[in-house]
């Protein structure tokens, strides 16, 4: 397998996004808060006259947004016809997958299980392969859990 991956850091973990999903990496400038959005939506920013919804990846996982240092850069992705800037701890590099995704030994908890499709070996070490749509959807709401149980 020779899929290209973008290696990022979220909440202290090495994660991988398909390079096909990452349109660019930008310096995050001004982020304008948007009223009535979920906590994991940091706001909007602009990229060449295009608005991007800024997703705080730590908050989208349900972690404290201030616990780790943050990079000033963001990965720009598109999903469901919308463009997003992913606020992450860091953007490491582009590398090649050295195999297929496997199960996560021992797991990393429910936050990661919701968005990780598996552990993947890369030329620079192992990383959690991230389901982009699940990450952008944010943490599961308690109301959704109650409705699903009913």
C-alpha atoms as a PDB file:
ATOM      1  CA  UNK A   1       0.000   0.000   0.000  1.00  0.00           C
ATOM      2  CA  UNK A   2       1.427   3.394  -0.885  1.00  0.00           C
ATOM      3  CA  UNK A   3      -1.315   5.808   0.145  1.00  0.00           C
ATOM      4  CA  UNK A   4      -0.032   9.275   1.002  1.00  0.00           C
ATOM      5  CA  UNK A   5      -0.937  10.474   4.478  1.00  0.00           C
ATOM      6  CA  UNK A   6      -0.679  13.810   6.271  1.00  0.00           C
ATOM      7  CA  UNK A   7       0.530  13.243   9.824  1.00  0.00           C
ATOM      8  CA  UNK A   8      -0.954  15.578  12.420  1.00  0.00           C
ATOM      9  CA  UNK A   9      -1.012  15.758  16.202  1.00  0.00           C
ATOM     10  CA  UNK A  10      -4.324  15.953  18.062  1.00  0.00           C
ATOM     11  CA  UNK A  11      -4.512  15.885  21.858  1.00  0.00           C
ATOM     12  CA  UNK A  12      -0.982  14.520  22.081  1.00  0.00           C
ATOM     13  CA  UNK A  13      -1.503  11.642  19.605  1.00  0.00           C
ATOM     14  CA  UNK A  14      -0.081  11.052  16.133  1.00  0.00           C
ATOM     15  CA  UNK A  15      -2.955  10.906  13.662  1.00  0.00           C
ATOM     16  CA  UNK A  16      -3.130  10.436   9.911  1.00  0.00           C
ATOM     17  CA  UNK A  17      -5.429  11.957   7.321  1.00  0.00           C
ATOM     18  CA  UNK A  18      -5.515  10.850   3.714  1.00  0.00           C
ATOM     19  CA  UNK A  19      -3.479  13.367   1.713  1.00  0.00           C
ATOM     20  CA  UNK A  20      -6.322  13.355  -0.841  1.00  0.00           C
ATOM     21  CA  UNK A  21      -8.593  14.921   1.805  1.00  0.00           C
ATOM     22  CA  UNK A  22      -6.136  17.701   2.730  1.00  0.00           C
ATOM     23  CA  UNK A  23      -6.379  20.554   0.221  1.00  0.00           C
ATOM     24  CA  UNK A  24      -3.720  22.750   1.832  1.00  0.00           C
ATOM     25  CA  UNK A  25      -2.094  23.821   5.069  1.00  0.00           C
ATOM     26  CA  UNK A  26      -2.621  27.439   6.116  1.00  0.00           C
ATOM     27  CA  UNK A  27      -1.525  29.812   8.839  1.00  0.00           C
ATOM     28  CA  UNK A  28      -4.592  30.488  10.951  1.00  0.00           C
ATOM     29  CA  UNK A  29      -5.192  34.201  11.075  1.00  0.00           C
ATOM     30  CA  UNK A  30      -8.244  35.848  12.520  1.00  0.00           C
ATOM     31  CA  UNK A  31     -10.987  33.459  13.631  1.00  0.00           C
ATOM     32  CA  UNK A  32     -14.405  35.070  13.937  1.00  0.00           C
ATOM     33  CA  UNK A  33     -16.697  33.361  16.468  1.00  0.00           C
ATOM     34  CA  UNK A  34     -20.126  32.344  15.209  1.00  0.00           C
ATOM     35  CA  UNK A  35     -23.038  32.594  17.666  1.00  0.00           C
ATOM     36  CA  UNK A  36     -25.047  29.463  18.503  1.00  0.00           C
ATOM     37  CA  UNK A  37     -22.524  27.014  17.084  1.00  0.00           C
ATOM     38  CA  UNK A  38     -21.356  23.966  19.029  1.00  0.00           C
ATOM     39  CA  UNK A  39     -18.301  24.443  21.258  1.00  0.00           C
ATOM     40  CA  UNK A  40     -16.045  22.502  18.878  1.00  0.00           C
ATOM     41  CA  UNK A  41     -16.659  25.076  16.122  1.00  0.00           C
ATOM     42  CA  UNK A  42     -14.079  27.768  16.889  1.00  0.00           C
ATOM     43  CA  UNK A  43     -15.571  30.101  14.278  1.00  0.00           C
ATOM     44  CA  UNK A  44     -14.858  31.000  10.667  1.00  0.00           C
ATOM     45  CA  UNK A  45     -11.788  32.232   8.862  1.00  0.00           C
ATOM     46  CA  UNK A  46     -11.050  33.166   5.263  1.00  0.00           C
ATOM     47  CA  UNK A  47      -8.829  31.605   2.615  1.00  0.00           C
ATOM     48  CA  UNK A  48      -8.636  33.538  -0.656  1.00  0.00           C
ATOM     49  CA  UNK A  49     -12.165  34.961  -0.243  1.00  0.00           C
ATOM     50  CA  UNK A  50     -13.580  31.565   0.736  1.00  0.00           C
ATOM     51  CA  UNK A  51     -14.951  31.100   4.228  1.00  0.00           C
ATOM     52  CA  UNK A  52     -13.774  28.089   6.204  1.00  0.00           C
ATOM     53  CA  UNK A  53     -15.456  26.667   9.278  1.00  0.00           C
ATOM     54  CA  UNK A  54     -12.734  26.264  11.908  1.00  0.00           C
ATOM     55  CA  UNK A  55     -13.000  22.989  13.834  1.00  0.00           C
ATOM     56  CA  UNK A  56     -11.158  22.702  17.142  1.00  0.00           C
ATOM     57  CA  UNK A  57     -10.152  19.035  16.868  1.00  0.00           C
ATOM     58  CA  UNK A  58      -9.513  18.640  20.601  1.00  0.00           C
ATOM     59  CA  UNK A  59     -13.010  19.894  21.438  1.00  0.00           C
ATOM     60  CA  UNK A  60     -14.476  17.785  18.621  1.00  0.00           C
ATOM     61  CA  UNK A  61     -13.084  14.763  20.458  1.00  0.00           C
ATOM     62  CA  UNK A  62     -14.402  15.977  23.807  1.00  0.00           C
ATOM     63  CA  UNK A  63     -11.011  16.987  25.264  1.00  0.00           C
ATOM     64  CA  UNK A  64     -10.015  20.225  26.974  1.00  0.00           C
ATOM     65  CA  UNK A  65      -9.049  22.654  24.246  1.00  0.00           C
ATOM     66  CA  UNK A  66      -6.252  24.267  26.277  1.00  0.00           C
ATOM     67  CA  UNK A  67      -4.380  21.215  27.600  1.00  0.00           C
ATOM     68  CA  UNK A  68      -1.681  20.968  24.878  1.00  0.00           C
ATOM     69  CA  UNK A  69       0.293  23.581  22.917  1.00  0.00           C
ATOM     70  CA  UNK A  70      -1.251  24.408  19.542  1.00  0.00           C
ATOM     71  CA  UNK A  71       0.230  24.978  16.105  1.00  0.00           C
ATOM     72  CA  UNK A  72      -0.642  28.210  14.291  1.00  0.00           C
ATOM     73  CA  UNK A  73      -1.304  26.166  11.161  1.00  0.00           C
ATOM     74  CA  UNK A  74      -4.436  24.307  10.147  1.00  0.00           C
ATOM     75  CA  UNK A  75      -5.200  21.575   7.636  1.00  0.00           C
ATOM     76  CA  UNK A  76      -7.808  22.664   5.091  1.00  0.00           C
ATOM     77  CA  UNK A  77     -10.192  19.854   4.172  1.00  0.00           C
ATOM     78  CA  UNK A  78     -13.499  19.472   2.366  1.00  0.00           C
ATOM     79  CA  UNK A  79     -16.335  17.217   3.443  1.00  0.00           C
ATOM     80  CA  UNK A  80     -19.961  17.105   2.378  1.00  0.00           C
ATOM     81  CA  UNK A  81     -19.541  20.102   0.075  1.00  0.00           C
ATOM     82  CA  UNK A  82     -18.193  22.351   2.852  1.00  0.00           C
ATOM     83  CA  UNK A  83     -14.651  23.534   3.578  1.00  0.00           C
ATOM     84  CA  UNK A  84     -13.067  23.310   7.013  1.00  0.00           C
ATOM     85  CA  UNK A  85      -9.856  24.388   8.716  1.00  0.00           C
ATOM     86  CA  UNK A  86      -8.803  21.810  11.299  1.00  0.00           C
ATOM     87  CA  UNK A  87      -7.097  23.323  14.363  1.00  0.00           C
ATOM     88  CA  UNK A  88      -4.552  20.737  15.501  1.00  0.00           C
ATOM     89  CA  UNK A  89      -1.616  20.529  17.897  1.00  0.00           C
ATOM     90  CA  UNK A  90       0.801  20.227  14.999  1.00  0.00           C
ATOM     91  CA  UNK A  91       1.259  19.209  11.403  1.00  0.00           C
ATOM     92  CA  UNK A  92       4.255  16.927  11.032  1.00  0.00           C
ATOM     93  CA  UNK A  93       4.719  15.852   7.437  1.00  0.00           C
ATOM     94  CA  UNK A  94       3.425  13.926   4.457  1.00  0.00           C
ATOM     95  CA  UNK A  95       4.434  10.271   4.473  1.00  0.00           C
ATOM     96  CA  UNK A  96       3.507   6.972   2.915  1.00  0.00           C
ATOM     97  CA  UNK A  97       1.464   4.204   4.503  1.00  0.00           C
ATOM     98  CA  UNK A  98       3.522   1.075   5.070  1.00  0.00           C
ATOM     99  CA  UNK A  99       0.549  -1.286   5.238  1.00  0.00           C
ATOM    100  CA  UNK A 100      -3.171  -1.468   5.766  1.00  0.00           C
ATOM    101  CA  UNK A 101      -5.003  -0.118   8.823  1.00  0.00           C
ATOM    102  CA  UNK A 102      -5.181  -2.599  11.676  1.00  0.00           C
ATOM    103  CA  UNK A 103      -7.069  -2.785  14.929  1.00  0.00           C
ATOM    104  CA  UNK A 104      -6.022  -0.467  17.721  1.00  0.00           C
ATOM    105  CA  UNK A 105      -4.388  -2.686  20.352  1.00  0.00           C
ATOM    106  CA  UNK A 106      -6.105  -2.049  23.676  1.00  0.00           C
ATOM    107  CA  UNK A 107      -7.981   0.920  22.226  1.00  0.00           C
ATOM    108  CA  UNK A 108      -7.530   4.543  23.228  1.00  0.00           C
ATOM    109  CA  UNK A 109     -10.964   5.210  24.707  1.00  0.00           C
ATOM    110  CA  UNK A 110     -14.394   6.108  23.352  1.00  0.00           C
ATOM    111  CA  UNK A 111     -13.287   9.514  22.047  1.00  0.00           C
ATOM    112  CA  UNK A 112     -10.759   7.939  19.691  1.00  0.00           C
ATOM    113  CA  UNK A 113     -12.863   4.881  18.868  1.00  0.00           C
ATOM    114  CA  UNK A 114     -15.519   7.167  17.401  1.00  0.00           C
ATOM    115  CA  UNK A 115     -13.171   8.801  14.873  1.00  0.00           C
ATOM    116  CA  UNK A 116     -10.295   6.339  14.325  1.00  0.00           C
ATOM    117  CA  UNK A 117     -10.656   3.689  11.626  1.00  0.00           C
ATOM    118  CA  UNK A 118      -7.550   1.876  12.836  1.00  0.00           C
ATOM    119  CA  UNK A 119      -3.838   2.092  13.474  1.00  0.00           C
ATOM    120  CA  UNK A 120      -1.657   2.454  10.405  1.00  0.00           C
ATOM    121  CA  UNK A 121       2.069   2.009  10.076  1.00  0.00           C
ATOM    122  CA  UNK A 122       3.789   4.772   8.150  1.00  0.00           C
ATOM    123  CA  UNK A 123       7.355   5.431   7.062  1.00  0.00           C
ATOM    124  CA  UNK A 124       7.670   7.704  10.129  1.00  0.00           C
ATOM    125  CA  UNK A 125       5.968   5.424  12.689  1.00  0.00           C
ATOM    126  CA  UNK A 126       2.444   4.383  13.689  1.00  0.00           C
ATOM    127  CA  UNK A 127      -0.527   6.756  13.610  1.00  0.00           C
ATOM    128  CA  UNK A 128      -4.283   6.615  14.143  1.00  0.00           C
ATOM    129  CA  UNK A 129      -6.081   6.787  10.805  1.00  0.00           C
ATOM    130  CA  UNK A 130      -8.854   9.368  11.178  1.00  0.00           C
ATOM    131  CA  UNK A 131     -12.363   9.274   9.706  1.00  0.00           C
ATOM    132  CA  UNK A 132     -12.646  12.903   8.588  1.00  0.00           C
ATOM    133  CA  UNK A 133     -16.470  13.042   8.597  1.00  0.00           C
ATOM    134  CA  UNK A 134     -16.621  11.632  12.146  1.00  0.00           C
ATOM    135  CA  UNK A 135     -14.074  14.198  13.362  1.00  0.00           C
ATOM    136  CA  UNK A 136     -15.946  17.109  11.779  1.00  0.00           C
ATOM    137  CA  UNK A 137     -19.254  15.881  13.273  1.00  0.00           C
ATOM    138  CA  UNK A 138     -17.934  16.616  16.765  1.00  0.00           C
ATOM    139  CA  UNK A 139     -18.535  14.797  20.023  1.00  0.00           C
ATOM    140  CA  UNK A 140     -21.625  12.673  20.350  1.00  0.00           C
ATOM    141  CA  UNK A 141     -24.358  14.501  22.146  1.00  0.00           C
ATOM    142  CA  UNK A 142     -26.010  12.991  25.234  1.00  0.00           C
ATOM    143  CA  UNK A 143     -29.363  13.717  23.609  1.00  0.00           C
ATOM    144  CA  UNK A 144     -28.441  11.545  20.600  1.00  0.00           C
ATOM    145  CA  UNK A 145     -27.522   8.689  22.958  1.00  0.00           C
ATOM    146  CA  UNK A 146     -30.872   9.017  24.737  1.00  0.00           C
ATOM    147  CA  UNK A 147     -32.799   9.101  21.465  1.00  0.00           C
ATOM    148  CA  UNK A 148     -30.894   6.071  20.135  1.00  0.00           C
ATOM    149  CA  UNK A 149     -31.715   4.121  23.291  1.00  0.00           C
ATOM    150  CA  UNK A 150     -35.440   4.909  23.048  1.00  0.00           C
END
